[in-house]
Amino acid sequence: MWCSVLPPLLVMSSAVLFLLQLPDYTDAQEVLWEDHKYGRQGSEEKPFCSWKCLLFTLQWPGGFCQSLDRQSLCQIPQSVDTWTIHGLWPQRAFNCCSCWPMFHSDIQELEAELTEHWPSFLKIKSSFHFWRQEWEKHGVCAACVEGMNSPLRYFQICLKLWGRFDIHELLQAAGITPSCERLYKVAEVHRVLAPHVGDRHEIQCVTDDKDREVWFQVKVPLSRNLTVGCNHRGDADGEPASAPGAGGTSPGHPCPPQVPFYYFPIDHEQPRRPCG
């Protein structure tokens, strides 16, 4: 009788012992998050923490909608009447950890500000989906810097940068205002912005369905400590590995220096056709 019972017990005991010896998955994830958070890999810095420059990118709603293929996709919330945040992107950051999820509760206290200054302009994508996408593709790369080492801190920094670079007020004070008739050149906009966002900023356009150059974005290069300008081996010249906008990949290009461009007004009713 004992011989018929003992083998199963031995098998069960061995299985339990084996399971007890397995590494705890939760603990492993915690270690991975901690390593990513502090840029550790033993005593060596991880590749994703070797970046030196970031791009803080602001977009103009009246121009962004021109970049979309389908007219019905774009919507501009009634509360939006100024430049909004597109993203904060570490440059030449590789192998960023995909192990750091973001939840609504992580940024709940910032939701009102983010909704105002960092909205999605797509009917098919919620603002939270946009924010989470930015965190998972870019925020986790920035997280090895202490001041940005959580979703909350990353988005707090972005909101502070938005307040620091008040593009709309700078342009308005210089008489550069949205218009369906007036055209602008890169040089005149550059003269206004350079003292505040540095000489290395990039003015980006999209080409609309009437082959007009339309201003929709400004990229501001920043050093790792968030000072304006970054000259580390040309890092700020490269696009981030993935720089999604409120509607997908960024479609912009540098506005041609010799070709005048439009700075379209915002039209909440017809966001993609503010000027017909």
C-alpha atoms as a PDB file:
ATOM      1  CA  MET A   1       0.000   0.000   0.000  1.00  0.00           C
ATOM      2  CA  TRP A   2       2.704   2.440   0.910  1.00  0.00           C
ATOM      3  CA  CYS A   3       4.510   1.694  -2.313  1.00  0.00           C
ATOM      4  CA  SER A   4       1.528   2.857  -4.355  1.00  0.00           C
ATOM      5  CA  VAL A   5       1.226   6.185  -2.491  1.00  0.00           C
ATOM      6  CA  LEU A   6       4.855   7.181  -2.019  1.00  0.00           C
ATOM      7  CA  PRO A   7       5.863   7.869  -5.644  1.00  0.00           C
ATOM      8  CA  PRO A   8       3.102  10.513  -6.183  1.00  0.00           C
ATOM      9  CA  LEU A   9       4.089  12.193  -2.930  1.00  0.00           C
ATOM     10  CA  LEU A  10       7.687  12.271  -4.001  1.00  0.00           C
ATOM     11  CA  VAL A  11       6.697  13.724  -7.362  1.00  0.00           C
ATOM     12  CA  MET A  12       4.562  16.376  -5.688  1.00  0.00           C
ATOM     13  CA  SER A  13       7.337  17.288  -3.245  1.00  0.00           C
ATOM     14  CA  SER A  14       9.835  17.614  -6.090  1.00  0.00           C
ATOM     15  CA  ALA A  15       7.462  19.857  -8.037  1.00  0.00           C
ATOM     16  CA  VAL A  16       6.912  22.122  -5.027  1.00  0.00           C
ATOM     17  CA  LEU A  17      10.654  22.295  -4.402  1.00  0.00           C
ATOM     18  CA  PHE A  18      11.233  23.198  -8.052  1.00  0.00           C
ATOM     19  CA  LEU A  19       8.644  25.995  -7.936  1.00  0.00           C
ATOM     20  CA  LEU A  20      10.126  27.368  -4.740  1.00  0.00           C
ATOM     21  CA  GLN A  21      13.506  27.556  -6.423  1.00  0.00           C
ATOM     22  CA  LEU A  22      12.204  29.582  -9.386  1.00  0.00           C
ATOM     23  CA  PRO A  23      13.063  33.329  -9.291  1.00  0.00           C
ATOM     24  CA  ASP A  24      10.165  35.472  -8.236  1.00  0.00           C
ATOM     25  CA  TYR A  25       8.778  37.215 -11.342  1.00  0.00           C
ATOM     26  CA  THR A  26       7.579  40.253  -9.413  1.00  0.00           C
ATOM     27  CA  ASP A  27      10.959  40.674  -7.761  1.00  0.00           C
ATOM     28  CA  ALA A  28      12.685  40.338 -11.135  1.00  0.00           C
ATOM     29  CA  GLN A  29      10.458  43.026 -12.620  1.00  0.00           C
ATOM     30  CA  GLU A  30      11.154  45.309  -9.663  1.00  0.00           C
ATOM     31  CA  VAL A  31      14.899  44.899 -10.159  1.00  0.00           C
ATOM     32  CA  LEU A  32      14.524  45.599 -13.891  1.00  0.00           C
ATOM     33  CA  TRP A  33      12.517  48.752 -13.210  1.00  0.00           C
ATOM     34  CA  GLU A  34      15.001  49.914 -10.593  1.00  0.00           C
ATOM     35  CA  ASP A  35      17.931  49.290 -12.927  1.00  0.00           C
ATOM     36  CA  HIS A  36      16.207  51.199 -15.700  1.00  0.00           C
ATOM     37  CA  LYS A  37      15.165  53.995 -13.382  1.00  0.00           C
ATOM     38  CA  TYR A  38      18.716  54.625 -12.229  1.00  0.00           C
ATOM     39  CA  GLY A  39      20.493  53.691 -15.457  1.00  0.00           C
ATOM     40  CA  ARG A  40      22.230  50.708 -13.928  1.00  0.00           C
ATOM     41  CA  GLN A  41      23.619  47.550 -15.388  1.00  0.00           C
ATOM     42  CA  GLY A  42      25.858  46.364 -12.627  1.00  0.00           C
ATOM     43  CA  SER A  43      28.385  49.186 -12.388  1.00  0.00           C
ATOM     44  CA  GLU A  44      28.028  50.164 -16.038  1.00  0.00           C
ATOM     45  CA  GLU A  45      25.700  52.719 -17.527  1.00  0.00           C
ATOM     46  CA  LYS A  46      23.064  51.243 -19.797  1.00  0.00           C
ATOM     47  CA  PRO A  47      23.100  52.277 -23.465  1.00  0.00           C
ATOM     48  CA  PHE A  48      19.763  54.051 -23.171  1.00  0.00           C
ATOM     49  CA  CYS A  49      21.275  56.361 -20.572  1.00  0.00           C
ATOM     50  CA  SER A  50      24.148  57.456 -22.779  1.00  0.00           C
ATOM     51  CA  TRP A  51      22.069  60.108 -24.548  1.00  0.00           C
ATOM     52  CA  LYS A  52      23.034  63.757 -23.965  1.00  0.00           C
ATOM     53  CA  CYS A  53      20.373  65.784 -25.805  1.00  0.00           C
ATOM     54  CA  LEU A  54      16.608  66.056 -25.921  1.00  0.00           C
ATOM     55  CA  LEU A  55      14.145  67.693 -28.279  1.00  0.00           C
ATOM     56  CA  PHE A  56      11.244  69.523 -26.707  1.00  0.00           C
ATOM     57  CA  THR A  57       8.676  69.808 -29.473  1.00  0.00           C
ATOM     58  CA  LEU A  58       5.716  72.158 -29.637  1.00  0.00           C
ATOM     59  CA  GLN A  59       3.011  71.934 -32.287  1.00  0.00           C
ATOM     60  CA  TRP A  60       0.558  74.434 -33.701  1.00  0.00           C
ATOM     61  CA  PRO A  61      -2.960  72.953 -33.939  1.00  0.00           C
ATOM     62  CA  GLY A  62      -3.871  75.018 -36.991  1.00  0.00           C
ATOM     63  CA  GLY A  63      -0.975  73.449 -38.883  1.00  0.00           C
ATOM     64  CA  PHE A  64      -0.982  69.968 -37.385  1.00  0.00           C
ATOM     65  CA  CYS A  65      -4.344  69.082 -38.889  1.00  0.00           C
ATOM     66  CA  GLN A  66      -2.934  69.760 -42.362  1.00  0.00           C
ATOM     67  CA  SER A  67      -0.654  66.765 -41.895  1.00  0.00           C
ATOM     68  CA  LEU A  68      -3.492  64.256 -41.676  1.00  0.00           C
ATOM     69  CA  ASP A  69      -4.727  62.341 -44.699  1.00  0.00           C
ATOM     70  CA  ARG A  70      -8.370  62.157 -43.766  1.00  0.00           C
ATOM     71  CA  GLN A  71     -10.246  65.346 -42.994  1.00  0.00           C
ATOM     72  CA  SER A  72     -12.526  63.637 -40.492  1.00  0.00           C
ATOM     73  CA  LEU A  73      -9.657  62.529 -38.262  1.00  0.00           C
ATOM     74  CA  CYS A  74      -8.703  65.874 -36.790  1.00  0.00           C
ATOM     75  CA  GLN A  75     -10.412  67.660 -33.941  1.00  0.00           C
ATOM     76  CA  ILE A  76      -9.234  70.634 -31.918  1.00  0.00           C
ATOM     77  CA  PRO A  77     -10.817  71.001 -28.477  1.00  0.00           C
ATOM     78  CA  GLN A  78     -12.647  74.299 -28.006  1.00  0.00           C
ATOM     79  CA  SER A  79     -10.358  75.161 -25.087  1.00  0.00           C
ATOM     80  CA  VAL A  80      -7.196  74.978 -27.246  1.00  0.00           C
ATOM     81  CA  ASP A  81      -6.098  78.277 -28.765  1.00  0.00           C
ATOM     82  CA  THR A  82      -2.317  78.181 -28.505  1.00  0.00           C
ATOM     83  CA  TRP A  83       0.768  76.004 -29.091  1.00  0.00           C
ATOM     84  CA  THR A  84       0.600  72.604 -27.435  1.00  0.00           C
ATOM     85  CA  ILE A  85       3.136  69.959 -26.447  1.00  0.00           C
ATOM     86  CA  HIS A  86       4.083  67.278 -28.935  1.00  0.00           C
ATOM     87  CA  GLY A  87       6.732  65.564 -26.851  1.00  0.00           C
ATOM     88  CA  LEU A  88      10.075  65.512 -25.062  1.00  0.00           C
ATOM     89  CA  TRP A  89      12.406  63.090 -26.836  1.00  0.00           C
ATOM     90  CA  PRO A  90      15.877  61.935 -25.761  1.00  0.00           C
ATOM     91  CA  GLN A  91      18.071  61.774 -28.849  1.00  0.00           C
ATOM     92  CA  ARG A  92      19.964  58.664 -29.910  1.00  0.00           C
ATOM     93  CA  ALA A  93      18.490  56.681 -27.021  1.00  0.00           C
ATOM     94  CA  PHE A  94      18.508  52.959 -27.729  1.00  0.00           C
ATOM     95  CA  ASN A  95      17.286  49.779 -26.039  1.00  0.00           C
ATOM     96  CA  CYS A  96      14.868  51.653 -23.808  1.00  0.00           C
ATOM     97  CA  CYS A  97      13.063  49.452 -21.328  1.00  0.00           C
ATOM     98  CA  SER A  98       9.548  48.304 -22.235  1.00  0.00           C
ATOM     99  CA  CYS A  99       9.002  47.090 -18.677  1.00  0.00           C
ATOM    100  CA  TRP A 100       7.709  50.332 -17.181  1.00  0.00           C
ATOM    101  CA  PRO A 101       3.962  50.661 -17.822  1.00  0.00           C
ATOM    102  CA  MET A 102       2.037  53.847 -17.175  1.00  0.00           C
ATOM    103  CA  PHE A 103      -1.380  53.960 -15.562  1.00  0.00           C
ATOM    104  CA  HIS A 104      -3.975  56.688 -15.336  1.00  0.00           C
ATOM    105  CA  SER A 105      -3.358  57.030 -11.603  1.00  0.00           C
ATOM    106  CA  ASP A 106       0.302  57.908 -12.284  1.00  0.00           C
ATOM    107  CA  ILE A 107      -0.604  61.282 -13.790  1.00  0.00           C
ATOM    108  CA  GLN A 108      -4.101  61.859 -12.430  1.00  0.00           C
ATOM    109  CA  GLU A 109      -3.079  64.984 -10.541  1.00  0.00           C
ATOM    110  CA  LEU A 110      -1.786  66.523 -13.796  1.00  0.00           C
ATOM    111  CA  GLU A 111      -4.709  65.524 -15.986  1.00  0.00           C
ATOM    112  CA  ALA A 112      -6.350  68.957 -16.153  1.00  0.00           C
ATOM    113  CA  GLU A 113      -3.079  70.649 -17.179  1.00  0.00           C
ATOM    114  CA  LEU A 114      -2.174  67.925 -19.651  1.00  0.00           C
ATOM    115  CA  THR A 115      -5.619  68.063 -21.224  1.00  0.00           C
ATOM    116  CA  GLU A 116      -5.158  71.794 -21.769  1.00  0.00           C
ATOM    117  CA  HIS A 117      -1.522  71.849 -22.912  1.00  0.00           C
ATOM    118  CA  TRP A 118      -1.009  68.353 -24.365  1.00  0.00           C
ATOM    119  CA  PRO A 119      -4.248  67.232 -26.016  1.00  0.00           C
ATOM    120  CA  SER A 120      -4.716  64.664 -28.720  1.00  0.00           C
ATOM    121  CA  PHE A 121      -6.081  66.100 -31.961  1.00  0.00           C
ATOM    122  CA  LEU A 122      -7.392  62.768 -33.203  1.00  0.00           C
ATOM    123  CA  LYS A 123     -10.970  61.648 -32.802  1.00  0.00           C
ATOM    124  CA  ILE A 124      -9.776  58.047 -32.662  1.00  0.00           C
ATOM    125  CA  LYS A 125      -7.131  58.575 -29.975  1.00  0.00           C
ATOM    126  CA  SER A 126      -7.799  59.761 -26.440  1.00  0.00           C
ATOM    127  CA  SER A 127      -5.405  62.186 -24.812  1.00  0.00           C
ATOM    128  CA  PHE A 128      -4.415  59.565 -22.238  1.00  0.00           C
ATOM    129  CA  HIS A 129      -3.552  57.148 -25.045  1.00  0.00           C
ATOM    130  CA  PHE A 130      -1.336  59.852 -26.548  1.00  0.00           C
ATOM    131  CA  TRP A 131       0.389  60.541 -23.207  1.00  0.00           C
ATOM    132  CA  ARG A 132       0.941  56.863 -22.511  1.00  0.00           C
ATOM    133  CA  GLN A 133       2.400  56.401 -25.970  1.00  0.00           C
ATOM    134  CA  GLU A 134       4.835  59.260 -25.374  1.00  0.00           C
ATOM    135  CA  TRP A 135       5.878  57.810 -22.017  1.00  0.00           C
ATOM    136  CA  GLU A 136       6.416  54.295 -23.357  1.00  0.00           C
ATOM    137  CA  LYS A 137       8.436  55.443 -26.377  1.00  0.00           C
ATOM    138  CA  HIS A 138      10.307  58.424 -24.967  1.00  0.00           C
ATOM    139  CA  GLY A 139       9.635  58.935 -21.269  1.00  0.00           C
ATOM    140  CA  VAL A 140      11.195  55.622 -20.307  1.00  0.00           C
ATOM    141  CA  CYS A 141      14.362  56.711 -22.139  1.00  0.00           C
ATOM    142  CA  ALA A 142      14.437  59.950 -20.144  1.00  0.00           C
ATOM    143  CA  ALA A 143      13.758  58.151 -16.867  1.00  0.00           C
ATOM    144  CA  CYS A 144      17.425  57.561 -16.054  1.00  0.00           C
ATOM    145  CA  VAL A 145      17.633  61.285 -15.237  1.00  0.00           C
ATOM    146  CA  GLU A 146      16.513  61.715 -11.645  1.00  0.00           C
ATOM    147  CA  GLY A 147      14.158  64.614 -12.314  1.00  0.00           C
ATOM    148  CA  MET A 148      12.253  62.552 -14.880  1.00  0.00           C
ATOM    149  CA  ASN A 149      12.390  59.110 -13.303  1.00  0.00           C
ATOM    150  CA  SER A 150       8.661  58.425 -13.158  1.00  0.00           C
ATOM    151  CA  PRO A 151       5.656  59.204 -15.366  1.00  0.00           C
ATOM    152  CA  LEU A 152       4.591  61.942 -12.951  1.00  0.00           C
ATOM    153  CA  ARG A 153       7.991  63.641 -12.952  1.00  0.00           C
ATOM    154  CA  TYR A 154       8.418  63.321 -16.712  1.00  0.00           C
ATOM    155  CA  PHE A 155       5.101  65.015 -17.439  1.00  0.00           C
ATOM    156  CA  GLN A 156       5.700  67.657 -14.768  1.00  0.00           C
ATOM    157  CA  ILE A 157       8.944  68.584 -16.530  1.00  0.00           C
ATOM    158  CA  CYS A 158       7.161  68.785 -19.883  1.00  0.00           C
ATOM    159  CA  LEU A 159       4.525  71.120 -18.464  1.00  0.00           C
ATOM    160  CA  LYS A 160       7.211  73.334 -16.922  1.00  0.00           C
ATOM    161  CA  LEU A 161       8.992  73.521 -20.271  1.00  0.00           C
ATOM    162  CA  TRP A 162       5.714  74.504 -21.939  1.00  0.00           C
ATOM    163  CA  GLY A 163       5.451  77.443 -19.528  1.00  0.00           C
ATOM    164  CA  ARG A 164       9.083  78.337 -20.066  1.00  0.00           C
ATOM    165  CA  PHE A 165       8.817  78.500 -23.860  1.00  0.00           C
ATOM    166  CA  ASP A 166       5.719  80.577 -24.481  1.00  0.00           C
ATOM    167  CA  ILE A 167       6.030  80.544 -28.269  1.00  0.00           C
ATOM    168  CA  HIS A 168       2.621  82.122 -28.840  1.00  0.00           C
ATOM    169  CA  GLU A 169       3.359  85.196 -26.731  1.00  0.00           C
ATOM    170  CA  LEU A 170       6.808  85.684 -28.266  1.00  0.00           C
ATOM    171  CA  LEU A 171       5.422  85.568 -31.786  1.00  0.00           C
ATOM    172  CA  GLN A 172       2.454  87.774 -31.024  1.00  0.00           C
ATOM    173  CA  ALA A 173       4.674  90.425 -29.437  1.00  0.00           C
ATOM    174  CA  ALA A 174       6.692  90.485 -32.673  1.00  0.00           C
ATOM    175  CA  GLY A 175       3.597  90.827 -34.856  1.00  0.00           C
ATOM    176  CA  ILE A 176       3.744  87.248 -36.133  1.00  0.00           C
ATOM    177  CA  THR A 177       0.161  86.070 -35.891  1.00  0.00           C
ATOM    178  CA  PRO A 178      -1.910  83.358 -37.591  1.00  0.00           C
ATOM    179  CA  SER A 179      -3.296  84.419 -40.961  1.00  0.00           C
ATOM    180  CA  CYS A 180      -4.822  82.983 -44.110  1.00  0.00           C
ATOM    181  CA  GLU A 181      -3.236  85.692 -46.263  1.00  0.00           C
ATOM    182  CA  ARG A 182       0.084  86.671 -44.767  1.00  0.00           C
ATOM    183  CA  LEU A 183       3.195  84.605 -45.474  1.00  0.00           C
ATOM    184  CA  TYR A 184       6.297  84.313 -43.294  1.00  0.00           C
ATOM    185  CA  LYS A 185       9.892  83.261 -43.810  1.00  0.00           C
ATOM    186  CA  VAL A 186      12.119  81.121 -41.652  1.00  0.00           C
ATOM    187  CA  ALA A 187      14.584  83.953 -41.037  1.00  0.00           C
ATOM    188  CA  GLU A 188      12.044  86.354 -39.499  1.00  0.00           C
ATOM    189  CA  VAL A 189      10.621  83.689 -37.184  1.00  0.00           C
ATOM    190  CA  HIS A 190      14.109  82.527 -36.278  1.00  0.00           C
ATOM    191  CA  ARG A 191      15.106  86.056 -35.242  1.00  0.00           C
ATOM    192  CA  VAL A 192      12.187  86.193 -32.818  1.00  0.00           C
ATOM    193  CA  LEU A 193      12.623  82.736 -31.295  1.00  0.00           C
ATOM    194  CA  ALA A 194      16.421  82.346 -31.180  1.00  0.00           C
ATOM    195  CA  PRO A 195      17.038  84.566 -28.109  1.00  0.00           C
ATOM    196  CA  HIS A 196      14.614  82.408 -26.137  1.00  0.00           C
ATOM    197  CA  VAL A 197      14.924  78.867 -27.524  1.00  0.00           C
ATOM    198  CA  GLY A 198      18.464  78.968 -28.892  1.00  0.00           C
ATOM    199  CA  ASP A 199      19.952  79.175 -32.382  1.00  0.00           C
ATOM    200  CA  ARG A 200      19.619  75.458 -33.039  1.00  0.00           C
ATOM    201  CA  HIS A 201      15.833  75.278 -32.954  1.00  0.00           C
ATOM    202  CA  GLU A 202      14.045  73.906 -36.005  1.00  0.00           C
ATOM    203  CA  ILE A 203      10.938  75.403 -37.626  1.00  0.00           C
ATOM    204  CA  GLN A 204       8.953  72.614 -39.245  1.00  0.00           C
ATOM    205  CA  CYS A 205       6.304  72.675 -41.953  1.00  0.00           C
ATOM    206  CA  VAL A 206       3.933  70.269 -43.637  1.00  0.00           C
ATOM    207  CA  THR A 207       2.765  70.503 -47.225  1.00  0.00           C
ATOM    208  CA  ASP A 208      -1.015  70.703 -47.470  1.00  0.00           C
ATOM    209  CA  ASP A 209      -3.216  69.331 -50.246  1.00  0.00           C
ATOM    210  CA  LYS A 210      -2.775  72.589 -52.181  1.00  0.00           C
ATOM    211  CA  ASP A 211       1.025  72.297 -52.072  1.00  0.00           C
ATOM    212  CA  ARG A 212       1.332  75.164 -49.615  1.00  0.00           C
ATOM    213  CA  GLU A 213       4.018  75.098 -46.936  1.00  0.00           C
ATOM    214  CA  VAL A 214       2.231  75.307 -43.580  1.00  0.00           C
ATOM    215  CA  TRP A 215       3.988  75.849 -40.250  1.00  0.00           C
ATOM    216  CA  PHE A 216       3.079  73.278 -37.651  1.00  0.00           C
ATOM    217  CA  GLN A 217       5.961  72.600 -35.278  1.00  0.00           C
ATOM    218  CA  VAL A 218       9.022  73.937 -33.433  1.00  0.00           C
ATOM    219  CA  LYS A 219      11.752  71.671 -32.099  1.00  0.00           C
ATOM    220  CA  VAL A 220      13.875  73.028 -29.263  1.00  0.00           C
ATOM    221  CA  PRO A 221      17.141  71.159 -28.518  1.00  0.00           C
ATOM    222  CA  LEU A 222      17.991  70.857 -24.842  1.00  0.00           C
ATOM    223  CA  SER A 223      20.920  69.448 -22.939  1.00  0.00           C
ATOM    224  CA  ARG A 224      20.423  66.690 -20.418  1.00  0.00           C
ATOM    225  CA  ASN A 225      20.122  69.280 -17.643  1.00  0.00           C
ATOM    226  CA  LEU A 226      17.390  71.052 -19.694  1.00  0.00           C
ATOM    227  CA  THR A 227      19.487  74.061 -20.645  1.00  0.00           C
ATOM    228  CA  VAL A 228      18.838  75.446 -24.135  1.00  0.00           C
ATOM    229  CA  GLY A 229      21.001  74.127 -26.935  1.00  0.00           C
ATOM    230  CA  CYS A 230      22.881  70.892 -27.246  1.00  0.00           C
ATOM    231  CA  ASN A 231      26.077  70.373 -29.220  1.00  0.00           C
ATOM    232  CA  HIS A 232      27.083  66.902 -28.110  1.00  0.00           C
ATOM    233  CA  ARG A 233      28.377  65.246 -31.287  1.00  0.00           C
ATOM    234  CA  GLY A 234      25.397  66.476 -33.229  1.00  0.00           C
ATOM    235  CA  ASP A 235      22.907  64.491 -31.159  1.00  0.00           C
ATOM    236  CA  ALA A 236      20.209  67.118 -31.514  1.00  0.00           C
ATOM    237  CA  ASP A 237      20.348  66.800 -35.296  1.00  0.00           C
ATOM    238  CA  GLY A 238      18.977  63.271 -35.261  1.00  0.00           C
ATOM    239  CA  GLU A 239      15.331  62.325 -35.065  1.00  0.00           C
ATOM    240  CA  PRO A 240      14.290  60.190 -32.144  1.00  0.00           C
ATOM    241  CA  ALA A 241      13.828  56.546 -33.035  1.00  0.00           C
ATOM    242  CA  SER A 242      10.103  57.130 -32.953  1.00  0.00           C
ATOM    243  CA  ALA A 243       8.504  60.529 -32.563  1.00  0.00           C
ATOM    244  CA  PRO A 244       4.748  60.000 -32.653  1.00  0.00           C
ATOM    245  CA  GLY A 245       2.491  62.972 -32.884  1.00  0.00           C
ATOM    246  CA  ALA A 246      -1.106  63.243 -31.829  1.00  0.00           C
ATOM    247  CA  GLY A 247      -1.907  61.192 -34.864  1.00  0.00           C
ATOM    248  CA  GLY A 248       1.041  58.879 -35.506  1.00  0.00           C
ATOM    249  CA  THR A 249       4.512  59.456 -36.898  1.00  0.00           C
ATOM    250  CA  SER A 250       5.682  63.000 -37.351  1.00  0.00           C
ATOM    251  CA  PRO A 251       5.175  64.059 -41.014  1.00  0.00           C
ATOM    252  CA  GLY A 252       7.007  67.348 -40.794  1.00  0.00           C
ATOM    253  CA  HIS A 253      10.089  68.671 -42.534  1.00  0.00           C
ATOM    254  CA  PRO A 254      12.212  71.765 -42.005  1.00  0.00           C
ATOM    255  CA  CYS A 255      10.461  74.749 -43.538  1.00  0.00           C
ATOM    256  CA  PRO A 256      12.404  75.702 -46.709  1.00  0.00           C
ATOM    257  CA  PRO A 257      14.474  78.824 -45.916  1.00  0.00           C
ATOM    258  CA  GLN A 258      13.628  80.586 -49.183  1.00  0.00           C
ATOM    259  CA  VAL A 259       9.984  79.509 -49.493  1.00  0.00           C
ATOM    260  CA  PRO A 260       7.413  81.541 -47.538  1.00  0.00           C
ATOM    261  CA  PHE A 261       5.044  79.517 -45.375  1.00  0.00           C
ATOM    262  CA  TYR A 262       1.593  79.981 -43.894  1.00  0.00           C
ATOM    263  CA  TYR A 263       0.820  80.190 -40.198  1.00  0.00           C
ATOM    264  CA  PHE A 264      -2.821  79.149 -40.366  1.00  0.00           C
ATOM    265  CA  PRO A 265      -5.323  80.196 -37.694  1.00  0.00           C
ATOM    266  CA  ILE A 266      -7.124  77.622 -35.572  1.00  0.00           C
ATOM    267  CA  ASP A 267     -10.608  76.754 -36.783  1.00  0.00           C
ATOM    268  CA  HIS A 268     -12.419  74.509 -34.303  1.00  0.00           C
ATOM    269  CA  GLU A 269     -15.287  73.833 -36.719  1.00  0.00           C
ATOM    270  CA  GLN A 270     -13.144  73.058 -39.753  1.00  0.00           C
ATOM    271  CA  PRO A 271      -9.755  72.169 -38.260  1.00  0.00           C
ATOM    272  CA  ARG A 272      -8.270  70.876 -41.504  1.00  0.00           C
ATOM    273  CA  ARG A 273      -9.600  73.682 -43.690  1.00  0.00           C
ATOM    274  CA  PRO A 274      -9.135  76.894 -41.694  1.00  0.00           C
ATOM    275  CA  CYS A 275      -8.477  78.846 -44.878  1.00  0.00           C
ATOM    276  CA  GLY A 276     -10.534  76.924 -47.396  1.00  0.00           C
END
